[in-house]
């Protein structure tokens, strides 16, 4: 499910960035604290400066929203395909060409059989 960067707006980038933050935080790591193993949430979102991008996308100033959108558009292609897929599925984006005929969202027309009389 490839999504072109041009289709991101400030609003869609904000939705995707927020979901990306949740997806990355859901990854847990095992650490030893005082001799005991403890599972801690992933810190990759902070390392990628997602909170900063999200804050900029939520800003009232257009200049900051544009900076947030630019930051997200630079980050998006660096993510793995699986991570991008999780984010897009979570925010409800889909490629209509990949849907089955039975799916109401497909909105596809049947192929015309030109050989029929």
PDB file of N, CA and C in Angstrom:
ATOM      1  N   UNK A   1       0.853  -1.163   0.000  1.00  0.00           N
ATOM      2  CA  UNK A   1       0.000   0.000   0.000  1.00  0.00           C
ATOM      3  C   UNK A   1       0.905   1.233   0.000  1.00  0.00           C
ATOM      4  N   UNK A   2       1.266   1.689  -1.145  1.00  0.00           N
ATOM      5  CA  UNK A   2       2.150   2.837  -1.247  1.00  0.00           C
ATOM      6  C   UNK A   2       1.328   4.111  -1.272  1.00  0.00           C
ATOM      7  N   UNK A   3       1.726   5.058  -0.469  1.00  0.00           N
ATOM      8  CA  UNK A   3       1.037   6.333  -0.397  1.00  0.00           C
ATOM      9  C   UNK A   3       2.009   7.396  -0.858  1.00  0.00           C
ATOM     10  N   UNK A   4       1.586   8.178  -1.818  1.00  0.00           N
ATOM     11  CA  UNK A   4       2.445   9.231  -2.320  1.00  0.00           C
ATOM     12  C   UNK A   4       2.515  10.356  -1.298  1.00  0.00           C
ATOM     13  N   UNK A   5       3.679  10.943  -1.159  1.00  0.00           N
ATOM     14  CA  UNK A   5       3.856  12.021  -0.193  1.00  0.00           C
ATOM     15  C   UNK A   5       2.972  13.212  -0.504  1.00  0.00           C
ATOM     16  N   UNK A   6       2.682  13.443  -1.764  1.00  0.00           N
ATOM     17  CA  UNK A   6       1.886  14.596  -2.143  1.00  0.00           C
ATOM     18  C   UNK A   6       0.471  14.533  -1.573  1.00  0.00           C
ATOM     19  N   UNK A   7       0.003  13.347  -1.199  1.00  0.00           N
ATOM     20  CA  UNK A   7      -1.357  13.233  -0.693  1.00  0.00           C
ATOM     21  C   UNK A   7      -1.463  13.615   0.778  1.00  0.00           C
ATOM     22  N   UNK A   8      -0.352  13.823   1.445  1.00  0.00           N
ATOM     23  CA  UNK A   8      -0.406  14.228   2.841  1.00  0.00           C
ATOM     24  C   UNK A   8      -0.749  15.705   2.943  1.00  0.00           C
ATOM     25  N   UNK A   9      -1.749  15.995   3.739  1.00  0.00           N
ATOM     26  CA  UNK A   9      -2.050  17.369   4.116  1.00  0.00           C
ATOM     27  C   UNK A   9      -1.661  17.509   5.575  1.00  0.00           C
ATOM     28  N   UNK A  10      -1.812  18.689   6.118  1.00  0.00           N
ATOM     29  CA  UNK A  10      -1.490  18.884   7.530  1.00  0.00           C
ATOM     30  C   UNK A  10      -2.355  17.974   8.405  1.00  0.00           C
ATOM     31  N   UNK A  11      -3.648  17.874   8.070  1.00  0.00           N
ATOM     32  CA  UNK A  11      -4.556  17.049   8.877  1.00  0.00           C
ATOM     33  C   UNK A  11      -4.242  15.564   8.771  1.00  0.00           C
ATOM     34  N   UNK A  12      -4.006  15.090   7.540  1.00  0.00           N
ATOM     35  CA  UNK A  12      -3.722  13.664   7.391  1.00  0.00           C
ATOM     36  C   UNK A  12      -2.352  13.316   7.963  1.00  0.00           C
ATOM     37  N   UNK A  13      -1.401  14.233   7.837  1.00  0.00           N
ATOM     38  CA  UNK A  13      -0.082  13.993   8.428  1.00  0.00           C
ATOM     39  C   UNK A  13      -0.186  13.949   9.944  1.00  0.00           C
ATOM     40  N   UNK A  14      -1.034  14.788  10.521  1.00  0.00           N
ATOM     41  CA  UNK A  14      -1.224  14.785  11.978  1.00  0.00           C
ATOM     42  C   UNK A  14      -1.820  13.456  12.431  1.00  0.00           C
ATOM     43  N   UNK A  15      -2.819  12.960  11.720  1.00  0.00           N
ATOM     44  CA  UNK A  15      -3.416  11.660  12.063  1.00  0.00           C
ATOM     45  C   UNK A  15      -2.384  10.542  11.951  1.00  0.00           C
ATOM     46  N   UNK A  16      -1.629  10.560  10.860  1.00  0.00           N
ATOM     47  CA  UNK A  16      -0.632   9.513  10.647  1.00  0.00           C
ATOM     48  C   UNK A  16       0.495   9.607  11.676  1.00  0.00           C
ATOM     49  N   UNK A  17       0.926  10.821  12.018  1.00  0.00           N
ATOM     50  CA  UNK A  17       2.003  10.996  12.998  1.00  0.00           C
ATOM     51  C   UNK A  17       1.556  10.532  14.381  1.00  0.00           C
ATOM     52  N   UNK A  18       0.324  10.843  14.748  1.00  0.00           N
ATOM     53  CA  UNK A  18      -0.188  10.411  16.055  1.00  0.00           C
ATOM     54  C   UNK A  18      -0.271   8.887  16.116  1.00  0.00           C
ATOM     55  N   UNK A  19      -0.740   8.282  15.044  1.00  0.00           N
ATOM     56  CA  UNK A  19      -0.827   6.819  15.024  1.00  0.00           C
ATOM     57  C   UNK A  19       0.558   6.193  14.980  1.00  0.00           C
ATOM     58  N   UNK A  20       1.475   6.800  14.250  1.00  0.00           N
ATOM     59  CA  UNK A  20       2.853   6.304  14.215  1.00  0.00           C
ATOM     60  C   UNK A  20       3.463   6.332  15.606  1.00  0.00           C
ATOM     61  N   UNK A  21       3.170   7.368  16.352  1.00  0.00           N
ATOM     62  CA  UNK A  21       3.661   7.461  17.726  1.00  0.00           C
ATOM     63  C   UNK A  21       3.131   6.300  18.570  1.00  0.00           C
ATOM     64  N   UNK A  22       1.841   5.966  18.395  1.00  0.00           N
ATOM     65  CA  UNK A  22       1.251   4.842  19.135  1.00  0.00           C
ATOM     66  C   UNK A  22       1.865   3.510  18.685  1.00  0.00           C
ATOM     67  N   UNK A  23       2.075   3.358  17.385  1.00  0.00           N
ATOM     68  CA  UNK A  23       2.652   2.108  16.857  1.00  0.00           C
ATOM     69  C   UNK A  23       4.065   1.913  17.409  1.00  0.00           C
ATOM     70  N   UNK A  24       4.852   2.971  17.399  1.00  0.00           N
ATOM     71  CA  UNK A  24       6.231   2.848  17.893  1.00  0.00           C
ATOM     72  C   UNK A  24       6.279   2.650  19.405  1.00  0.00           C
ATOM     73  N   UNK A  25       5.361   3.267  20.144  1.00  0.00           N
ATOM     74  CA  UNK A  25       5.334   3.099  21.595  1.00  0.00           C
ATOM     75  C   UNK A  25       4.875   1.691  21.980  1.00  0.00           C
ATOM     76  N   UNK A  26       4.133   1.031  21.091  1.00  0.00           N
ATOM     77  CA  UNK A  26       3.654  -0.325  21.378  1.00  0.00           C
ATOM     78  C   UNK A  26       4.784  -1.346  21.345  1.00  0.00           C
ATOM     79  N   UNK A  27       5.883  -0.985  20.730  1.00  0.00           N
ATOM     80  CA  UNK A  27       7.041  -1.878  20.721  1.00  0.00           C
ATOM     81  C   UNK A  27       7.686  -1.811  22.103  1.00  0.00           C
ATOM     82  N   UNK A  28       7.890  -2.964  22.696  1.00  0.00           N
ATOM     83  CA  UNK A  28       8.460  -2.995  24.040  1.00  0.00           C
ATOM     84  C   UNK A  28       9.824  -3.653  24.017  1.00  0.00           C
ATOM     85  N   UNK A  29      10.613  -3.310  25.021  1.00  0.00           N
ATOM     86  CA  UNK A  29      11.960  -3.842  25.152  1.00  0.00           C
ATOM     87  C   UNK A  29      12.156  -4.326  26.577  1.00  0.00           C
ATOM     88  N   UNK A  30      12.934  -5.357  26.708  1.00  0.00           N
ATOM     89  CA  UNK A  30      13.215  -5.904  28.024  1.00  0.00           C
ATOM     90  C   UNK A  30      14.513  -5.287  28.561  1.00  0.00           C
ATOM     91  N   UNK A  31      14.419  -4.749  29.773  1.00  0.00           N
ATOM     92  CA  UNK A  31      15.597  -4.182  30.428  1.00  0.00           C
ATOM     93  C   UNK A  31      15.723  -4.773  31.820  1.00  0.00           C
ATOM     94  N   UNK A  32      16.944  -4.796  32.295  1.00  0.00           N
ATOM     95  CA  UNK A  32      17.173  -5.246  33.670  1.00  0.00           C
ATOM     96  C   UNK A  32      17.269  -4.021  34.568  1.00  0.00           C
ATOM     97  N   UNK A  33      16.396  -3.998  35.553  1.00  0.00           N
ATOM     98  CA  UNK A  33      16.389  -2.915  36.533  1.00  0.00           C
ATOM     99  C   UNK A  33      16.522  -3.557  37.909  1.00  0.00           C
ATOM    100  N   UNK A  34      17.608  -3.251  38.577  1.00  0.00           N
ATOM    101  CA  UNK A  34      17.886  -3.810  39.907  1.00  0.00           C
ATOM    102  C   UNK A  34      17.784  -5.333  39.902  1.00  0.00           C
ATOM    103  N   UNK A  35      18.306  -5.952  38.835  1.00  0.00           N
ATOM    104  CA  UNK A  35      18.353  -7.401  38.759  1.00  0.00           C
ATOM    105  C   UNK A  35      17.096  -8.055  38.226  1.00  0.00           C
ATOM    106  N   UNK A  36      16.039  -7.288  37.996  1.00  0.00           N
ATOM    107  CA  UNK A  36      14.803  -7.872  37.482  1.00  0.00           C
ATOM    108  C   UNK A  36      14.550  -7.382  36.063  1.00  0.00           C
ATOM    109  N   UNK A  37      13.977  -8.288  35.266  1.00  0.00           N
ATOM    110  CA  UNK A  37      13.646  -7.911  33.899  1.00  0.00           C
ATOM    111  C   UNK A  37      12.347  -7.113  33.895  1.00  0.00           C
ATOM    112  N   UNK A  38      12.374  -5.979  33.214  1.00  0.00           N
ATOM    113  CA  UNK A  38      11.211  -5.097  33.125  1.00  0.00           C
ATOM    114  C   UNK A  38      10.984  -4.771  31.662  1.00  0.00           C
ATOM    115  N   UNK A  39       9.730  -4.830  31.214  1.00  0.00           N
ATOM    116  CA  UNK A  39       9.383  -4.464  29.843  1.00  0.00           C
ATOM    117  C   UNK A  39       9.040  -2.990  29.808  1.00  0.00           C
ATOM    118  N   UNK A  40       9.712  -2.244  28.942  1.00  0.00           N
ATOM    119  CA  UNK A  40       9.486  -0.803  28.830  1.00  0.00           C
ATOM    120  C   UNK A  40       9.040  -0.477  27.403  1.00  0.00           C
ATOM    121  N   UNK A  41       8.223   0.574  27.258  1.00  0.00           N
ATOM    122  CA  UNK A  41       7.769   0.950  25.912  1.00  0.00           C
ATOM    123  C   UNK A  41       8.921   1.481  25.070  1.00  0.00           C
ATOM    124  N   UNK A  42       8.760   1.364  23.762  1.00  0.00           N
ATOM    125  CA  UNK A  42       9.790   1.822  22.846  1.00  0.00           C
ATOM    126  C   UNK A  42       9.966   3.330  22.880  1.00  0.00           C
ATOM    127  N   UNK A  43      11.166   3.777  22.627  1.00  0.00           N
ATOM    128  CA  UNK A  43      11.508   5.198  22.640  1.00  0.00           C
ATOM    129  C   UNK A  43      11.824   5.718  21.237  1.00  0.00           C
ATOM    130  N   UNK A  44      11.534   4.928  20.210  1.00  0.00           N
ATOM    131  CA  UNK A  44      11.888   5.319  18.857  1.00  0.00           C
ATOM    132  C   UNK A  44      11.142   6.580  18.414  1.00  0.00           C
ATOM    133  N   UNK A  45       9.906   6.743  18.857  1.00  0.00           N
ATOM    134  CA  UNK A  45       9.145   7.940  18.506  1.00  0.00           C
ATOM    135  C   UNK A  45       9.839   9.210  18.965  1.00  0.00           C
ATOM    136  N   UNK A  46      10.368   9.186  20.179  1.00  0.00           N
ATOM    137  CA  UNK A  46      11.093  10.344  20.699  1.00  0.00           C
ATOM    138  C   UNK A  46      12.396  10.549  19.944  1.00  0.00           C
ATOM    139  N   UNK A  47      13.058   9.449  19.597  1.00  0.00           N
ATOM    140  CA  UNK A  47      14.310   9.557  18.863  1.00  0.00           C
ATOM    141  C   UNK A  47      14.091  10.149  17.468  1.00  0.00           C
ATOM    142  N   UNK A  48      12.934   9.862  16.882  1.00  0.00           N
ATOM    143  CA  UNK A  48      12.603  10.404  15.563  1.00  0.00           C
ATOM    144  C   UNK A  48      11.969  11.794  15.649  1.00  0.00           C
ATOM    145  N   UNK A  49      11.880  12.335  16.841  1.00  0.00           N
ATOM    146  CA  UNK A  49      11.321  13.655  17.113  1.00  0.00           C
ATOM    147  C   UNK A  49       9.848  13.749  16.723  1.00  0.00           C
ATOM    148  N   UNK A  50       9.102  12.659  16.909  1.00  0.00           N
ATOM    149  CA  UNK A  50       7.677  12.670  16.603  1.00  0.00           C
ATOM    150  C   UNK A  50       6.894  13.660  17.464  1.00  0.00           C
ATOM    151  N   UNK A  51       7.162  13.766  18.768  1.00  0.00           N
ATOM    152  CA  UNK A  51       6.412  14.752  19.553  1.00  0.00           C
ATOM    153  C   UNK A  51       6.580  16.170  19.003  1.00  0.00           C
ATOM    154  N   UNK A  52       7.762  16.496  18.552  1.00  0.00           N
ATOM    155  CA  UNK A  52       8.020  17.825  17.978  1.00  0.00           C
ATOM    156  C   UNK A  52       7.232  18.005  16.673  1.00  0.00           C
ATOM    157  N   UNK A  53       7.224  16.982  15.834  1.00  0.00           N
ATOM    158  CA  UNK A  53       6.482  17.039  14.573  1.00  0.00           C
ATOM    159  C   UNK A  53       4.992  17.198  14.857  1.00  0.00           C
ATOM    160  N   UNK A  54       4.469  16.426  15.809  1.00  0.00           N
ATOM    161  CA  UNK A  54       3.047  16.496  16.145  1.00  0.00           C
ATOM    162  C   UNK A  54       2.692  17.872  16.690  1.00  0.00           C
ATOM    163  N   UNK A  55       3.528  18.411  17.572  1.00  0.00           N
ATOM    164  CA  UNK A  55       3.263  19.751  18.107  1.00  0.00           C
ATOM    165  C   UNK A  55       3.247  20.800  17.007  1.00  0.00           C
ATOM    166  N   UNK A  56       4.151  20.673  16.060  1.00  0.00           N
ATOM    167  CA  UNK A  56       4.174  21.630  14.952  1.00  0.00           C
ATOM    168  C   UNK A  56       2.935  21.475  14.070  1.00  0.00           C
ATOM    169  N   UNK A  57       2.516  20.249  13.828  1.00  0.00           N
ATOM    170  CA  UNK A  57       1.318  20.030  13.012  1.00  0.00           C
ATOM    171  C   UNK A  57       0.064  20.563  13.695  1.00  0.00           C
ATOM    172  N   UNK A  58       0.070  20.640  15.022  1.00  0.00           N
ATOM    173  CA  UNK A  58      -1.074  21.139  15.774  1.00  0.00           C
ATOM    174  C   UNK A  58      -1.008  22.645  16.016  1.00  0.00           C
ATOM    175  N   UNK A  59       0.051  23.284  15.591  1.00  0.00           N
ATOM    176  CA  UNK A  59       0.260  24.701  15.850  1.00  0.00           C
ATOM    177  C   UNK A  59      -0.808  25.564  15.169  1.00  0.00           C
ATOM    178  N   UNK A  60      -1.040  26.732  15.735  1.00  0.00           N
ATOM    179  CA  UNK A  60      -1.964  27.684  15.126  1.00  0.00           C
ATOM    180  C   UNK A  60      -1.285  28.495  14.031  1.00  0.00           C
ATOM    181  N   UNK A  61       0.029  28.481  14.012  1.00  0.00           N
ATOM    182  CA  UNK A  61       0.773  29.237  13.010  1.00  0.00           C
ATOM    183  C   UNK A  61       1.004  28.374  11.773  1.00  0.00           C
ATOM    184  N   UNK A  62       0.645  28.913  10.631  1.00  0.00           N
ATOM    185  CA  UNK A  62       0.794  28.172   9.377  1.00  0.00           C
ATOM    186  C   UNK A  62       2.246  27.793   9.111  1.00  0.00           C
ATOM    187  N   UNK A  63       3.162  28.687   9.439  1.00  0.00           N
ATOM    188  CA  UNK A  63       4.586  28.427   9.212  1.00  0.00           C
ATOM    189  C   UNK A  63       5.026  27.176   9.967  1.00  0.00           C
ATOM    190  N   UNK A  64       4.604  27.041  11.228  1.00  0.00           N
ATOM    191  CA  UNK A  64       4.981  25.867  12.022  1.00  0.00           C
ATOM    192  C   UNK A  64       4.293  24.603  11.507  1.00  0.00           C
ATOM    193  N   UNK A  65       3.025  24.718  11.080  1.00  0.00           N
ATOM    194  CA  UNK A  65       2.346  23.547  10.513  1.00  0.00           C
ATOM    195  C   UNK A  65       3.048  23.071   9.248  1.00  0.00           C
ATOM    196  N   UNK A  66       3.504  24.022   8.432  1.00  0.00           N
ATOM    197  CA  UNK A  66       4.250  23.655   7.226  1.00  0.00           C
ATOM    198  C   UNK A  66       5.562  22.963   7.578  1.00  0.00           C
ATOM    199  N   UNK A  67       6.238  23.444   8.626  1.00  0.00           N
ATOM    200  CA  UNK A  67       7.477  22.800   9.072  1.00  0.00           C
ATOM    201  C   UNK A  67       7.197  21.384   9.574  1.00  0.00           C
ATOM    202  N   UNK A  68       6.088  21.211  10.301  1.00  0.00           N
ATOM    203  CA  UNK A  68       5.706  19.885  10.777  1.00  0.00           C
ATOM    204  C   UNK A  68       5.398  18.940   9.635  1.00  0.00           C
ATOM    205  N   UNK A  69       4.707  19.464   8.611  1.00  0.00           N
ATOM    206  CA  UNK A  69       4.387  18.647   7.438  1.00  0.00           C
ATOM    207  C   UNK A  69       5.663  18.249   6.702  1.00  0.00           C
ATOM    208  N   UNK A  70       6.585  19.185   6.562  1.00  0.00           N
ATOM    209  CA  UNK A  70       7.865  18.874   5.918  1.00  0.00           C
ATOM    210  C   UNK A  70       8.632  17.811   6.707  1.00  0.00           C
ATOM    211  N   UNK A  71       8.638  17.965   8.027  1.00  0.00           N
ATOM    212  CA  UNK A  71       9.331  16.987   8.870  1.00  0.00           C
ATOM    213  C   UNK A  71       8.727  15.605   8.746  1.00  0.00           C
ATOM    214  N   UNK A  72       7.383  15.537   8.695  1.00  0.00           N
ATOM    215  CA  UNK A  72       6.739  14.233   8.565  1.00  0.00           C
ATOM    216  C   UNK A  72       7.001  13.632   7.194  1.00  0.00           C
ATOM    217  N   UNK A  73       6.983  14.464   6.158  1.00  0.00           N
ATOM    218  CA  UNK A  73       7.235  13.961   4.811  1.00  0.00           C
ATOM    219  C   UNK A  73       8.669  13.466   4.647  1.00  0.00           C
ATOM    220  N   UNK A  74       9.589  14.018   5.398  1.00  0.00           N
ATOM    221  CA  UNK A  74      10.968  13.515   5.369  1.00  0.00           C
ATOM    222  C   UNK A  74      11.082  12.199   6.130  1.00  0.00           C
ATOM    223  N   UNK A  75      10.306  12.054   7.195  1.00  0.00           N
ATOM    224  CA  UNK A  75      10.358  10.857   8.030  1.00  0.00           C
ATOM    225  C   UNK A  75       9.667   9.661   7.367  1.00  0.00           C
ATOM    226  N   UNK A  76       8.529   9.887   6.723  1.00  0.00           N
ATOM    227  CA  UNK A  76       7.686   8.811   6.207  1.00  0.00           C
ATOM    228  C   UNK A  76       8.429   7.800   5.328  1.00  0.00           C
ATOM    229  N   UNK A  77       9.215   8.228   4.323  1.00  0.00           N
ATOM    230  CA  UNK A  77       9.882   7.228   3.469  1.00  0.00           C
ATOM    231  C   UNK A  77      10.948   6.404   4.191  1.00  0.00           C
ATOM    232  N   UNK A  78      11.412   6.851   5.342  1.00  0.00           N
ATOM    233  CA  UNK A  78      12.452   6.122   6.065  1.00  0.00           C
ATOM    234  C   UNK A  78      11.887   4.977   6.888  1.00  0.00           C
ATOM    235  N   UNK A  79      10.574   4.935   7.056  1.00  0.00           N
ATOM    236  CA  UNK A  79       9.941   3.886   7.857  1.00  0.00           C
ATOM    237  C   UNK A  79       9.842   2.598   7.055  1.00  0.00           C
ATOM    238  N   UNK A  80       9.800   1.481   7.760  1.00  0.00           N
ATOM    239  CA  UNK A  80       9.661   0.193   7.078  1.00  0.00           C
ATOM    240  C   UNK A  80       8.262   0.083   6.482  1.00  0.00           C
ATOM    241  N   UNK A  81       8.137  -0.765   5.487  1.00  0.00           N
ATOM    242  CA  UNK A  81       6.839  -0.977   4.842  1.00  0.00           C
ATOM    243  C   UNK A  81       5.806  -1.496   5.841  1.00  0.00           C
ATOM    244  N   UNK A  82       6.236  -2.386   6.744  1.00  0.00           N
ATOM    245  CA  UNK A  82       5.314  -2.939   7.740  1.00  0.00           C
ATOM    246  C   UNK A  82       4.796  -1.842   8.680  1.00  0.00           C
ATOM    247  N   UNK A  83       5.666  -0.951   9.083  1.00  0.00           N
ATOM    248  CA  UNK A  83       5.258   0.140   9.977  1.00  0.00           C
ATOM    249  C   UNK A  83       4.301   1.075   9.254  1.00  0.00           C
ATOM    250  N   UNK A  84       4.618   1.420   8.018  1.00  0.00           N
ATOM    251  CA  UNK A  84       3.719   2.292   7.250  1.00  0.00           C
ATOM    252  C   UNK A  84       2.363   1.634   7.058  1.00  0.00           C
ATOM    253  N   UNK A  85       2.373   0.334   6.793  1.00  0.00           N
ATOM    254  CA  UNK A  85       1.121  -0.415   6.612  1.00  0.00           C
ATOM    255  C   UNK A  85       0.273  -0.373   7.885  1.00  0.00           C
ATOM    256  N   UNK A  86       0.902  -0.582   9.045  1.00  0.00           N
ATOM    257  CA  UNK A  86       0.170  -0.532  10.314  1.00  0.00           C
ATOM    258  C   UNK A  86      -0.466   0.836  10.526  1.00  0.00           C
ATOM    259  N   UNK A  87       0.291   1.883  10.233  1.00  0.00           N
ATOM    260  CA  UNK A  87      -0.210   3.245  10.434  1.00  0.00           C
ATOM    261  C   UNK A  87      -1.382   3.520   9.500  1.00  0.00           C
ATOM    262  N   UNK A  88      -1.230   3.194   8.230  1.00  0.00           N
ATOM    263  CA  UNK A  88      -2.291   3.465   7.262  1.00  0.00           C
ATOM    264  C   UNK A  88      -3.550   2.668   7.561  1.00  0.00           C
ATOM    265  N   UNK A  89      -3.394   1.425   7.974  1.00  0.00           N
ATOM    266  CA  UNK A  89      -4.564   0.620   8.340  1.00  0.00           C
ATOM    267  C   UNK A  89      -5.254   1.194   9.569  1.00  0.00           C
ATOM    268  N   UNK A  90      -4.474   1.662  10.528  1.00  0.00           N
ATOM    269  CA  UNK A  90      -5.051   2.188  11.766  1.00  0.00           C
ATOM    270  C   UNK A  90      -5.821   3.486  11.532  1.00  0.00           C
ATOM    271  N   UNK A  91      -5.379   4.297  10.577  1.00  0.00           N
ATOM    272  CA  UNK A  91      -6.100   5.551  10.331  1.00  0.00           C
ATOM    273  C   UNK A  91      -7.176   5.382   9.258  1.00  0.00           C
ATOM    274  N   UNK A  92      -7.312   4.168   8.738  1.00  0.00           N
ATOM    275  CA  UNK A  92      -8.408   3.874   7.828  1.00  0.00           C
ATOM    276  C   UNK A  92      -8.138   4.184   6.371  1.00  0.00           C
ATOM    277  N   UNK A  93      -6.881   4.316   5.985  1.00  0.00           N
ATOM    278  CA  UNK A  93      -6.558   4.563   4.578  1.00  0.00           C
ATOM    279  C   UNK A  93      -6.391   3.236   3.881  1.00  0.00           C
ATOM    280  N   UNK A  94      -6.780   3.182   2.635  1.00  0.00           N
ATOM    281  CA  UNK A  94      -6.678   1.950   1.870  1.00  0.00           C
ATOM    282  C   UNK A  94      -6.519   2.294   0.397  1.00  0.00           C
ATOM    283  N   UNK A  95      -6.047   1.328  -0.355  1.00  0.00           N
ATOM    284  CA  UNK A  95      -5.912   1.465  -1.796  1.00  0.00           C
ATOM    285  C   UNK A  95      -7.109   0.762  -2.420  1.00  0.00           C
ATOM    286  N   UNK A  96      -8.009   1.486  -3.068  1.00  0.00           N
ATOM    287  CA  UNK A  96      -9.212   0.847  -3.610  1.00  0.00           C
ATOM    288  C   UNK A  96      -8.905  -0.233  -4.645  1.00  0.00           C
ATOM    289  N   UNK A  97      -7.745  -0.177  -5.282  1.00  0.00           N
ATOM    290  CA  UNK A  97      -7.393  -1.185  -6.278  1.00  0.00           C
ATOM    291  C   UNK A  97      -7.081  -2.537  -5.643  1.00  0.00           C
ATOM    292  N   UNK A  98      -6.758  -2.541  -4.362  1.00  0.00           N
ATOM    293  CA  UNK A  98      -6.411  -3.786  -3.679  1.00  0.00           C
ATOM    294  C   UNK A  98      -7.596  -4.417  -2.962  1.00  0.00           C
ATOM    295  N   UNK A  99      -8.772  -3.807  -3.044  1.00  0.00           N
ATOM    296  CA  UNK A  99      -9.939  -4.337  -2.351  1.00  0.00           C
ATOM    297  C   UNK A  99     -10.639  -5.396  -3.199  1.00  0.00           C
ATOM    298  N   UNK A 100     -11.336  -6.306  -2.534  1.00  0.00           N
ATOM    299  CA  UNK A 100     -12.075  -7.341  -3.263  1.00  0.00           C
ATOM    300  C   UNK A 100     -13.372  -6.740  -3.804  1.00  0.00           C
ATOM    301  N   UNK A 101     -13.991  -7.475  -4.712  1.00  0.00           N
ATOM    302  CA  UNK A 101     -15.251  -7.013  -5.291  1.00  0.00           C
ATOM    303  C   UNK A 101     -16.326  -6.881  -4.222  1.00  0.00           C
ATOM    304  N   UNK A 102     -16.275  -7.699  -3.212  1.00  0.00           N
ATOM    305  CA  UNK A 102     -17.313  -7.714  -2.191  1.00  0.00           C
ATOM    306  C   UNK A 102     -17.228  -6.529  -1.233  1.00  0.00           C
ATOM    307  N   UNK A 103     -16.085  -5.907  -1.164  1.00  0.00           N
ATOM    308  CA  UNK A 103     -15.896  -4.781  -0.255  1.00  0.00           C
ATOM    309  C   UNK A 103     -16.605  -3.545  -0.807  1.00  0.00           C
ATOM    310  N   UNK A 104     -17.458  -2.939  -0.009  1.00  0.00           N
ATOM    311  CA  UNK A 104     -18.240  -1.787  -0.457  1.00  0.00           C
ATOM    312  C   UNK A 104     -17.356  -0.584  -0.769  1.00  0.00           C
ATOM    313  N   UNK A 105     -16.168  -0.530  -0.188  1.00  0.00           N
ATOM    314  CA  UNK A 105     -15.279   0.604  -0.422  1.00  0.00           C
ATOM    315  C   UNK A 105     -14.598   0.528  -1.779  1.00  0.00           C
ATOM    316  N   UNK A 106     -14.665  -0.636  -2.453  1.00  0.00           N
ATOM    317  CA  UNK A 106     -13.916  -0.803  -3.694  1.00  0.00           C
ATOM    318  C   UNK A 106     -14.441   0.092  -4.814  1.00  0.00           C
ATOM    319  N   UNK A 107     -15.763   0.234  -4.919  1.00  0.00           N
ATOM    320  CA  UNK A 107     -16.369   1.141  -5.880  1.00  0.00           C
ATOM    321  C   UNK A 107     -15.808   0.932  -7.284  1.00  0.00           C
ATOM    322  N   UNK A 108     -15.575  -0.328  -7.624  1.00  0.00           N
ATOM    323  CA  UNK A 108     -15.012  -0.631  -8.939  1.00  0.00           C
ATOM    324  C   UNK A 108     -16.117  -1.077  -9.886  1.00  0.00           C
ATOM    325  N   UNK A 109     -15.921  -0.778 -11.137  1.00  0.00           N
ATOM    326  CA  UNK A 109     -16.862  -1.220 -12.156  1.00  0.00           C
ATOM    327  C   UNK A 109     -16.350  -2.529 -12.737  1.00  0.00           C
ATOM    328  N   UNK A 110     -17.270  -3.425 -13.116  1.00  0.00           N
ATOM    329  CA  UNK A 110     -16.813  -4.682 -13.707  1.00  0.00           C
ATOM    330  C   UNK A 110     -16.174  -4.441 -15.067  1.00  0.00           C
ATOM    331  N   UNK A 111     -15.247  -5.318 -15.422  1.00  0.00           N
ATOM    332  CA  UNK A 111     -14.631  -5.238 -16.741  1.00  0.00           C
ATOM    333  C   UNK A 111     -15.665  -5.631 -17.799  1.00  0.00           C
ATOM    334  N   UNK A 112     -15.774  -4.817 -18.838  1.00  0.00           N
ATOM    335  CA  UNK A 112     -16.723  -5.115 -19.902  1.00  0.00           C
ATOM    336  C   UNK A 112     -16.133  -6.195 -20.813  1.00  0.00           C
ATOM    337  N   UNK A 113     -16.912  -7.207 -21.099  1.00  0.00           N
ATOM    338  CA  UNK A 113     -16.477  -8.251 -22.017  1.00  0.00           C
ATOM    339  C   UNK A 113     -16.916  -7.847 -23.413  1.00  0.00           C
ATOM    340  N   UNK A 114     -15.996  -7.392 -24.219  1.00  0.00           N
ATOM    341  CA  UNK A 114     -16.340  -6.863 -25.532  1.00  0.00           C
ATOM    342  C   UNK A 114     -16.649  -7.942 -26.546  1.00  0.00           C
ATOM    343  N   UNK A 115     -16.310  -9.195 -26.252  1.00  0.00           N
ATOM    344  CA  UNK A 115     -16.560 -10.287 -27.203  1.00  0.00           C
ATOM    345  C   UNK A 115     -18.000 -10.797 -27.126  1.00  0.00           C
ATOM    346  N   UNK A 116     -18.729 -10.397 -26.143  1.00  0.00           N
ATOM    347  CA  UNK A 116     -20.104 -10.866 -26.009  1.00  0.00           C
ATOM    348  C   UNK A 116     -20.993 -10.206 -27.047  1.00  0.00           C
ATOM    349  N   UNK A 117     -21.990 -10.978 -27.565  1.00  0.00           N
ATOM    350  CA  UNK A 117     -22.926 -10.379 -28.525  1.00  0.00           C
ATOM    351  C   UNK A 117     -23.924  -9.481 -27.836  1.00  0.00           C
TER     352      UNK A 117
END
